């Protein structure tokens, strides 16, 4: 990934300032195509499709390089979905934005491409039977039952039409309801008995932990220290500890001070329930996560510091905003900045209106100072069909509110 200070690096990260500065920049055309065809995302769950589609629209770029990437000879050699997933997503968003020339290559790739299922899913999600006409034959013939249920399980205009022609697709839209195996009934057992069951490797161990968590039993604190170093039942135990709320604070403070396997659980509890004296370990956790570029781990202490209104966190939050390769982290960073100092947050709220993550756009839409530029952007967010519905609703609310 390129430097966070460069236009290329900002476009790769999905930054709002990258989108704003790309208009009129000499190399923007090549940089946008590079991002679309060489997926720069730190995590493929990050949003980029609408962001790059808007850039292609605003810069009046042709879609040829994007479709050329899909159909290059490497497609059936490099069988990695990540090579084409972003390009498919960009084409689908371009269709939502009114660039109808993206329909034919997307349909062709659904028929001929190696990653055909992703293209087929994108066309189904567009929910226009005309765009997906004839592709039901591909879905019915190529998909196994599991893939077909995933593709057609959600009710929509496309799948309704397809179901009328294919009994298998009709069945996929009405998945058989399977009864889950009943959990062992443990409500009559004492906390001590449940703790003993939790230490076992039997089928009842997880059920016992869940029951202790439901009771908000402090025994889960002891169990976490005992079992987590060995990797046993980490998920249910961590959840049970977090569900204890402030009851877990005293033990969480000890965990957060130690570099042991349950350190992160301690930070989670402090972030959610801590008080002002708990800001230093959260600051340390955020500093370490940013220094080690562990962007996932940085989100929780950022949220906690925002909740506590810790001004000492502002330099770290701003550093994370500039440097993070993970666009999803910016949701936590912007929320924290707003909670700590709305004035400091103002320029980032403006930038956030152009951000790739709808979570960032939601925060920005709800809190950005209103002026000519931001009102113009809010009007676009309000009326653009491709925009996230929550962002559209927030933009409508701001525009209809007091001036």
Protein backbone atom coordinates (compact mmCIF):
# COMPACT_ATOMS: atom_id res chain seq x y z
CA UNK A 1 0.00 0.00 0.00
CA UNK A 2 1.29 3.48 -0.87
CA UNK A 3 2.05 6.24 1.61
CA UNK A 4 -0.93 7.58 3.53
CA UNK A 5 0.14 11.10 2.51
CA UNK A 6 -0.06 10.41 -1.22
CA UNK A 7 -3.19 10.62 -3.35
CA UNK A 8 -2.66 6.99 -4.33
CA UNK A 9 -2.46 5.91 -0.69
CA UNK A 10 -5.58 7.87 0.22
CA UNK A 11 -7.53 6.36 -2.64
CA UNK A 12 -6.36 2.90 -1.63
CA UNK A 13 -7.59 3.53 1.91
CA UNK A 14 -10.96 4.87 0.71
CA UNK A 15 -10.36 8.23 2.36
CA UNK A 16 -12.79 11.05 1.70
CA UNK A 17 -9.94 13.48 1.10
CA UNK A 18 -8.69 11.16 -1.64
CA UNK A 19 -12.05 11.24 -3.43
CA UNK A 20 -12.24 15.03 -3.14
CA UNK A 21 -8.71 15.67 -4.37
CA UNK A 22 -8.96 13.16 -7.23
CA UNK A 23 -11.21 15.50 -9.17
CA UNK A 24 -8.82 17.55 -11.26
CA UNK A 25 -5.70 15.56 -10.32
CA UNK A 26 -3.59 14.61 -13.33
CA UNK A 27 -2.95 10.98 -12.42
CA UNK A 28 -6.32 10.26 -10.85
CA UNK A 29 -7.51 8.18 -13.81
CA UNK A 30 -4.65 5.68 -13.59
CA UNK A 31 -4.78 5.59 -9.78
CA UNK A 32 -8.50 4.76 -9.68
CA UNK A 33 -8.09 1.95 -12.22
CA UNK A 34 -5.12 0.61 -10.25
CA UNK A 35 -7.19 0.49 -7.04
CA UNK A 36 -10.10 -1.28 -8.72
CA UNK A 37 -7.98 -3.85 -10.53
CA UNK A 38 -5.44 -4.44 -7.75
CA UNK A 39 -7.69 -4.64 -4.70
CA UNK A 40 -5.88 -2.61 -2.01
CA UNK A 41 -8.12 -3.51 0.92
CA UNK A 42 -6.56 -4.62 4.17
CA UNK A 43 -9.68 -6.72 4.76
CA UNK A 44 -12.05 -7.73 1.96
CA UNK A 45 -15.03 -6.89 4.19
CA UNK A 46 -14.15 -3.22 3.86
CA UNK A 47 -16.35 -1.16 1.55
CA UNK A 48 -14.85 0.16 -1.67
CA UNK A 49 -17.31 -0.66 -4.47
CA UNK A 50 -19.49 2.45 -4.23
CA UNK A 51 -16.46 4.64 -3.48
CA UNK A 52 -14.62 3.69 -6.67
CA UNK A 53 -17.82 3.62 -8.73
CA UNK A 54 -18.53 7.21 -7.70
CA UNK A 55 -14.99 8.18 -8.70
CA UNK A 56 -15.43 6.57 -12.11
CA UNK A 57 -18.69 8.48 -12.50
CA UNK A 58 -17.34 11.82 -11.26
CA UNK A 59 -14.14 11.60 -13.31
CA UNK A 60 -16.13 10.45 -16.36
CA UNK A 61 -13.92 7.39 -16.77
CA UNK A 62 -14.60 4.53 -19.16
CA UNK A 63 -15.25 1.07 -17.74
CA UNK A 64 -13.01 -0.64 -20.31
CA UNK A 65 -10.00 -1.15 -18.00
CA UNK A 66 -12.28 -2.67 -15.34
CA UNK A 67 -13.91 -5.13 -17.71
CA UNK A 68 -10.54 -5.83 -19.31
CA UNK A 69 -9.26 -6.87 -15.91
CA UNK A 70 -12.13 -9.32 -15.50
CA UNK A 71 -11.60 -11.00 -18.86
CA UNK A 72 -7.84 -11.09 -19.10
CA UNK A 73 -6.40 -14.61 -19.72
CA UNK A 74 -5.23 -14.80 -16.10
CA UNK A 75 -8.86 -15.14 -15.00
CA UNK A 76 -8.95 -18.93 -15.40
CA UNK A 77 -5.40 -19.37 -14.11
CA UNK A 78 -5.33 -17.25 -10.96
CA UNK A 79 -8.34 -18.81 -9.24
CA UNK A 80 -8.44 -16.35 -6.37
CA UNK A 81 -11.79 -14.66 -5.84
CA UNK A 82 -10.08 -11.59 -4.43
CA UNK A 83 -8.61 -10.87 -7.85
CA UNK A 84 -12.03 -9.99 -9.28
CA UNK A 85 -14.45 -9.46 -6.37
CA UNK A 86 -13.84 -5.73 -6.16
CA UNK A 87 -14.16 -5.18 -9.92
CA UNK A 88 -17.48 -7.05 -9.89
CA UNK A 89 -18.70 -4.93 -6.99
CA UNK A 90 -17.68 -1.72 -8.75
CA UNK A 91 -19.57 -2.69 -11.92
CA UNK A 92 -22.68 -3.50 -9.88
CA UNK A 93 -22.53 -0.11 -8.17
CA UNK A 94 -22.01 1.63 -11.49
CA UNK A 95 -25.26 0.07 -12.66
CA UNK A 96 -26.98 1.44 -9.56
CA UNK A 97 -25.52 4.84 -10.40
CA UNK A 98 -27.01 4.71 -13.90
CA UNK A 99 -24.03 3.52 -15.95
CA UNK A 100 -25.99 0.89 -17.87
CA UNK A 101 -23.03 -0.05 -20.08
CA UNK A 102 -21.78 -2.03 -17.08
CA UNK A 103 -24.66 -4.51 -17.43
CA UNK A 104 -23.42 -6.48 -20.43
CA UNK A 105 -19.88 -7.20 -19.15
CA UNK A 106 -21.24 -8.18 -15.75
CA UNK A 107 -23.74 -10.56 -17.36
CA UNK A 108 -21.03 -11.94 -19.63
CA UNK A 109 -18.72 -12.55 -16.69
CA UNK A 110 -21.53 -14.35 -14.84
CA UNK A 111 -21.69 -16.68 -17.86
CA UNK A 112 -18.00 -17.04 -18.74
CA UNK A 113 -15.83 -15.89 -15.86
CA UNK A 114 -14.08 -18.05 -13.30
CA UNK A 115 -15.62 -16.08 -10.42
CA UNK A 116 -19.06 -16.37 -12.03
CA UNK A 117 -20.90 -16.92 -8.74
CA UNK A 118 -19.90 -13.48 -7.39
CA UNK A 119 -21.12 -11.82 -10.58
CA UNK A 120 -24.36 -13.79 -10.45
CA UNK A 121 -24.86 -12.77 -6.81
CA UNK A 122 -24.27 -9.13 -7.73
CA UNK A 123 -26.92 -9.28 -10.45
CA UNK A 124 -29.42 -10.96 -8.13
CA UNK A 125 -28.76 -8.27 -5.52
CA UNK A 126 -29.58 -5.57 -8.07
CA UNK A 127 -33.10 -7.04 -7.94
CA UNK A 128 -34.07 -6.28 -11.53
CA UNK A 129 -35.38 -9.30 -13.46
CA UNK A 130 -34.46 -7.71 -16.79
CA UNK A 131 -30.78 -7.47 -15.81
CA UNK A 132 -30.76 -11.11 -14.73
CA UNK A 133 -32.86 -12.48 -17.58
CA UNK A 134 -31.70 -15.95 -18.65
CA UNK A 135 -29.12 -16.31 -15.89
CA UNK A 136 -31.43 -18.61 -13.94
CA UNK A 137 -30.23 -21.43 -16.20
CA UNK A 138 -26.67 -20.85 -14.98
CA UNK A 139 -27.79 -20.70 -11.37
CA UNK A 140 -29.83 -23.89 -11.64
CA UNK A 141 -27.21 -25.90 -13.50
CA UNK A 142 -24.00 -24.77 -11.75
CA UNK A 143 -25.01 -24.21 -8.13
CA UNK A 144 -25.15 -27.00 -5.60
CA UNK A 145 -28.00 -26.89 -3.10
CA UNK A 146 -26.05 -24.85 -0.56
CA UNK A 147 -24.93 -22.21 -3.05
CA UNK A 148 -28.40 -22.02 -4.55
CA UNK A 149 -29.98 -21.48 -1.14
CA UNK A 150 -27.48 -18.69 -0.43
CA UNK A 151 -28.08 -17.09 -3.81
CA UNK A 152 -31.87 -17.34 -3.85
CA UNK A 153 -32.79 -17.62 -0.19
CA UNK A 154 -33.67 -13.94 0.17
CA UNK A 155 -36.99 -12.94 -1.35
CA UNK A 156 -36.68 -10.56 -4.29
CA UNK A 157 -38.02 -9.79 -7.74
CA UNK A 158 -35.31 -11.80 -9.50
CA UNK A 159 -35.65 -14.94 -7.42
CA UNK A 160 -39.46 -14.82 -7.63
CA UNK A 161 -39.26 -14.89 -11.43
CA UNK A 162 -36.65 -17.63 -11.39
CA UNK A 163 -38.68 -19.73 -8.96
CA UNK A 164 -41.61 -19.81 -11.37
CA UNK A 165 -39.40 -21.59 -13.92
CA UNK A 166 -37.30 -23.88 -11.74
CA UNK A 167 -38.63 -26.09 -8.95
CA UNK A 168 -35.12 -26.30 -7.47
CA UNK A 169 -34.89 -22.54 -7.15
CA UNK A 170 -38.40 -22.44 -5.69
CA UNK A 171 -37.28 -24.96 -3.07
CA UNK A 172 -34.16 -22.90 -2.34
CA UNK A 173 -36.37 -19.89 -1.61
CA UNK A 174 -38.29 -21.96 0.93
CA UNK A 175 -35.51 -23.65 2.90
CA UNK A 176 -36.59 -26.49 5.13
CA UNK A 177 -36.80 -25.40 8.73
CA UNK A 178 -34.61 -27.71 10.75
CA UNK A 179 -35.01 -27.90 14.46
CA UNK A 180 -31.83 -27.17 16.36
CA UNK A 181 -30.55 -29.71 18.80
CA UNK A 182 -31.96 -28.76 22.18
CA UNK A 183 -29.45 -27.42 24.64
CA UNK A 184 -29.09 -29.45 27.79
CA UNK A 185 -31.47 -28.14 30.44
CA UNK A 186 -29.14 -26.79 33.11
CA UNK A 187 -31.27 -24.20 34.86
CA UNK A 188 -31.65 -26.45 37.89
CA UNK A 189 -27.90 -26.85 38.41
CA UNK A 190 -25.95 -24.77 40.91
CA UNK A 191 -23.27 -22.32 39.79
CA UNK A 192 -20.60 -24.62 41.20
CA UNK A 193 -21.97 -27.58 39.23
CA UNK A 194 -22.05 -25.50 36.07
CA UNK A 195 -18.44 -24.41 36.62
CA UNK A 196 -17.43 -28.06 36.92
CA UNK A 197 -19.22 -28.84 33.66
CA UNK A 198 -17.51 -25.87 32.00
CA UNK A 199 -14.13 -27.38 32.86
CA UNK A 200 -15.01 -30.58 31.07
CA UNK A 201 -14.57 -31.34 27.42
CA UNK A 202 -18.07 -32.71 27.08
CA UNK A 203 -20.97 -31.41 25.04
CA UNK A 204 -22.37 -29.64 28.07
CA UNK A 205 -19.33 -27.40 28.62
CA UNK A 206 -20.42 -24.58 26.30
CA UNK A 207 -24.02 -24.82 27.49
CA UNK A 208 -22.81 -24.52 31.08
CA UNK A 209 -20.78 -21.41 30.26
CA UNK A 210 -23.74 -19.85 28.49
CA UNK A 211 -25.97 -20.57 31.49
CA UNK A 212 -23.44 -19.00 33.86
CA UNK A 213 -23.32 -15.98 31.59
CA UNK A 214 -27.09 -15.75 31.53
CA UNK A 215 -27.03 -15.72 35.35
CA UNK A 216 -24.26 -13.08 35.34
CA UNK A 217 -22.30 -15.35 37.66
CA UNK A 218 -18.89 -14.00 38.79
CA UNK A 219 -17.57 -17.55 38.45
CA UNK A 220 -16.94 -16.86 34.78
CA UNK A 221 -14.08 -14.58 35.87
CA UNK A 222 -12.28 -17.50 37.49
CA UNK A 223 -13.06 -19.76 34.56
CA UNK A 224 -11.59 -17.29 32.10
CA UNK A 225 -8.28 -17.20 33.97
CA UNK A 226 -8.27 -20.96 34.29
CA UNK A 227 -9.36 -22.00 30.80
CA UNK A 228 -8.38 -19.25 28.40
CA UNK A 229 -4.61 -19.88 28.49
CA UNK A 230 -5.29 -23.37 27.18
CA UNK A 231 -7.63 -22.03 24.49
CA UNK A 232 -10.69 -23.73 25.94
CA UNK A 233 -14.12 -22.20 25.26
CA UNK A 234 -12.64 -18.76 24.54
CA UNK A 235 -15.64 -17.37 22.64
CA UNK A 236 -18.46 -18.19 25.08
CA UNK A 237 -16.29 -17.33 28.08
CA UNK A 238 -15.23 -13.96 26.73
CA UNK A 239 -18.82 -13.13 25.92
CA UNK A 240 -19.97 -14.18 29.39
CA UNK A 241 -17.33 -11.97 31.02
CA UNK A 242 -18.27 -8.97 28.88
CA UNK A 243 -21.92 -9.52 29.76
CA UNK A 244 -21.11 -9.14 33.46
CA UNK A 245 -20.72 -5.42 32.90
CA UNK A 246 -19.30 -3.31 35.75
CA UNK A 247 -19.13 -6.40 37.98
CA UNK A 248 -16.10 -7.48 35.96
CA UNK A 249 -14.26 -4.17 36.26
CA UNK A 250 -11.99 -4.94 39.22
CA UNK A 251 -10.71 -8.15 37.64
CA UNK A 252 -10.53 -6.54 34.20
CA UNK A 253 -8.21 -3.87 35.58
CA UNK A 254 -5.81 -6.58 36.69
CA UNK A 255 -6.00 -8.33 33.31
CA UNK A 256 -5.42 -5.10 31.39
CA UNK A 257 -2.24 -4.52 33.38
CA UNK A 258 -0.87 -7.96 32.50
CA UNK A 259 0.41 -9.21 29.14
CA UNK A 260 -1.45 -12.49 29.34
CA UNK A 261 -3.95 -14.23 27.12
CA UNK A 262 -6.91 -12.45 28.71
CA UNK A 263 -5.40 -8.94 28.43
CA UNK A 264 -7.65 -8.07 25.48
CA UNK A 265 -10.76 -9.17 27.38
CA UNK A 266 -9.77 -6.80 30.17
CA UNK A 267 -9.43 -3.96 27.65
CA UNK A 268 -12.86 -4.82 26.23
CA UNK A 269 -14.45 -4.53 29.69
CA UNK A 270 -12.66 -1.26 30.47
CA UNK A 271 -13.69 0.20 27.11
CA UNK A 272 -17.34 -0.64 27.69
CA UNK A 273 -17.67 0.00 31.44
CA UNK A 274 -14.54 1.73 32.72
CA UNK A 275 -14.33 5.11 34.40
CA UNK A 276 -11.88 7.99 34.01
CA UNK A 277 -9.02 6.24 35.88
CA UNK A 278 -9.19 3.46 33.25
CA UNK A 279 -8.15 5.79 30.42
CA UNK A 280 -4.35 5.12 30.76
CA UNK A 281 -4.53 1.37 29.96
CA UNK A 282 -6.89 2.14 27.07
CA UNK A 283 -4.44 4.74 25.78
CA UNK A 284 -1.63 2.21 26.05
CA UNK A 285 -3.69 -0.43 24.24
CA UNK A 286 -4.53 1.98 21.43
CA UNK A 287 -0.91 3.10 21.13
CA UNK A 288 0.36 -0.48 20.91
CA UNK A 289 -2.31 -1.52 18.39
CA UNK A 290 -1.54 1.43 16.12
CA UNK A 291 2.21 0.94 16.44
CA UNK A 292 1.85 -2.74 15.53
CA UNK A 293 -0.69 -1.92 12.79
CA UNK A 294 -3.21 -4.23 14.43
CA UNK A 295 -6.12 -2.19 13.15
CA UNK A 296 -8.80 -4.61 14.39
CA UNK A 297 -7.46 -4.40 17.93
CA UNK A 298 -7.39 -0.59 17.82
CA UNK A 299 -11.16 -0.19 17.49
CA UNK A 300 -12.13 -1.22 21.03
CA UNK A 301 -9.83 1.13 22.98
CA UNK A 302 -10.72 3.93 20.56
CA UNK A 303 -14.41 3.40 21.32
CA UNK A 304 -13.69 3.36 25.06
CA UNK A 305 -11.61 6.52 24.99
CA UNK A 306 -14.34 8.27 23.05
CA UNK A 307 -16.90 7.18 25.63
CA UNK A 308 -14.70 8.54 28.42
CA UNK A 309 -14.04 11.79 26.55
CA UNK A 310 -10.28 11.42 26.96
CA UNK A 311 -8.55 14.41 25.37
CA UNK A 312 -5.22 12.63 25.74
CA UNK A 313 -6.40 10.21 23.05
CA UNK A 314 -6.80 12.87 20.33
CA UNK A 315 -3.23 12.63 18.90
CA UNK A 316 -3.51 8.83 18.65
CA UNK A 317 -6.94 9.03 17.07
CA UNK A 318 -5.72 11.51 14.47
CA UNK A 319 -2.66 9.37 13.76
CA UNK A 320 -4.90 6.33 13.28
CA UNK A 321 -7.16 8.30 10.94
CA UNK A 322 -4.22 9.29 8.75
CA UNK A 323 -2.29 6.02 8.75
CA UNK A 324 -4.69 3.12 9.17
CA UNK A 325 -4.88 0.73 6.24
CA UNK A 326 -8.27 -0.43 7.56
CA UNK A 327 -11.16 1.80 6.52
CA UNK A 328 -13.52 0.21 9.06
CA UNK A 329 -11.38 1.54 11.91
CA UNK A 330 -12.30 5.08 10.87
CA UNK A 331 -15.85 4.47 12.13
CA UNK A 332 -14.53 4.08 15.67
CA UNK A 333 -11.98 6.88 15.29
CA UNK A 334 -14.51 9.43 14.04
CA UNK A 335 -17.06 8.44 16.67
CA UNK A 336 -14.41 8.87 19.38
CA UNK A 337 -13.31 12.28 18.07
CA UNK A 338 -16.91 13.47 18.05
CA UNK A 339 -17.37 12.30 21.63
CA UNK A 340 -14.19 13.99 22.84
CA UNK A 341 -14.13 17.31 20.96
CA UNK A 342 -16.66 18.10 18.19
CA UNK A 343 -14.56 21.09 17.14
CA UNK A 344 -11.48 18.94 16.51
CA UNK A 345 -13.70 16.47 14.68
CA UNK A 346 -15.13 19.06 12.25
CA UNK A 347 -12.69 18.68 9.33
CA UNK A 348 -12.89 14.90 9.61
CA UNK A 349 -16.68 15.06 9.57
CA UNK A 350 -16.49 17.02 6.31
CA UNK A 351 -14.05 14.50 4.86
CA UNK A 352 -16.25 11.69 6.14
CA UNK A 353 -19.06 12.65 3.76
CA UNK A 354 -16.89 11.26 0.96
CA UNK A 355 -15.56 8.23 2.89
CA UNK A 356 -15.89 4.69 1.54
CA UNK A 357 -17.43 3.31 4.76
CA UNK A 358 -21.15 3.93 5.23
CA UNK A 359 -20.59 3.93 9.01
CA UNK A 360 -18.29 6.94 8.64
CA UNK A 361 -20.77 8.65 6.28
CA UNK A 362 -23.58 8.05 8.79
CA UNK A 363 -21.64 9.74 11.60
CA UNK A 364 -20.56 12.59 9.34
CA UNK A 365 -24.04 13.14 7.95
CA UNK A 366 -25.49 13.43 11.42
CA UNK A 367 -22.93 15.87 12.82
CA UNK A 368 -21.12 17.77 10.03
CA UNK A 369 -21.37 21.57 10.17
CA UNK A 370 -23.78 22.80 7.52
CA UNK A 371 -22.49 25.13 4.83
CA UNK A 372 -22.77 25.36 1.06
CA UNK A 373 -20.37 22.52 0.33
CA UNK A 374 -21.71 20.10 2.92
CA UNK A 375 -25.33 20.81 1.99
CA UNK A 376 -24.54 20.03 -1.63
CA UNK A 377 -22.95 16.75 -0.62
CA UNK A 378 -25.84 15.90 1.70
CA UNK A 379 -28.28 16.43 -1.15
CA UNK A 380 -26.35 13.92 -3.24
CA UNK A 381 -26.27 11.41 -0.41
CA UNK A 382 -30.00 11.90 0.15
CA UNK A 383 -31.05 11.29 -3.45
CA UNK A 384 -28.57 8.74 -4.76
CA UNK A 385 -30.26 5.30 -4.96
CA UNK A 386 -26.94 3.48 -4.49
CA UNK A 387 -26.36 5.11 -1.11
CA UNK A 388 -26.89 3.23 2.16
CA UNK A 389 -30.53 3.76 3.31
CA UNK A 390 -29.44 4.90 6.78
CA UNK A 391 -27.14 7.52 5.27
CA UNK A 392 -29.91 8.71 2.96
CA UNK A 393 -32.30 9.00 5.89
CA UNK A 394 -29.76 10.89 8.02
CA UNK A 395 -29.02 13.27 5.14
CA UNK A 396 -32.74 13.93 4.66
CA UNK A 397 -33.09 14.68 8.35
CA UNK A 398 -30.22 17.15 8.36
CA UNK A 399 -31.44 18.92 5.24
CA UNK A 400 -34.96 19.26 6.58
CA UNK A 401 -33.82 20.51 9.99
CA UNK A 402 -33.16 24.08 11.10
CA UNK A 403 -30.63 26.01 9.05
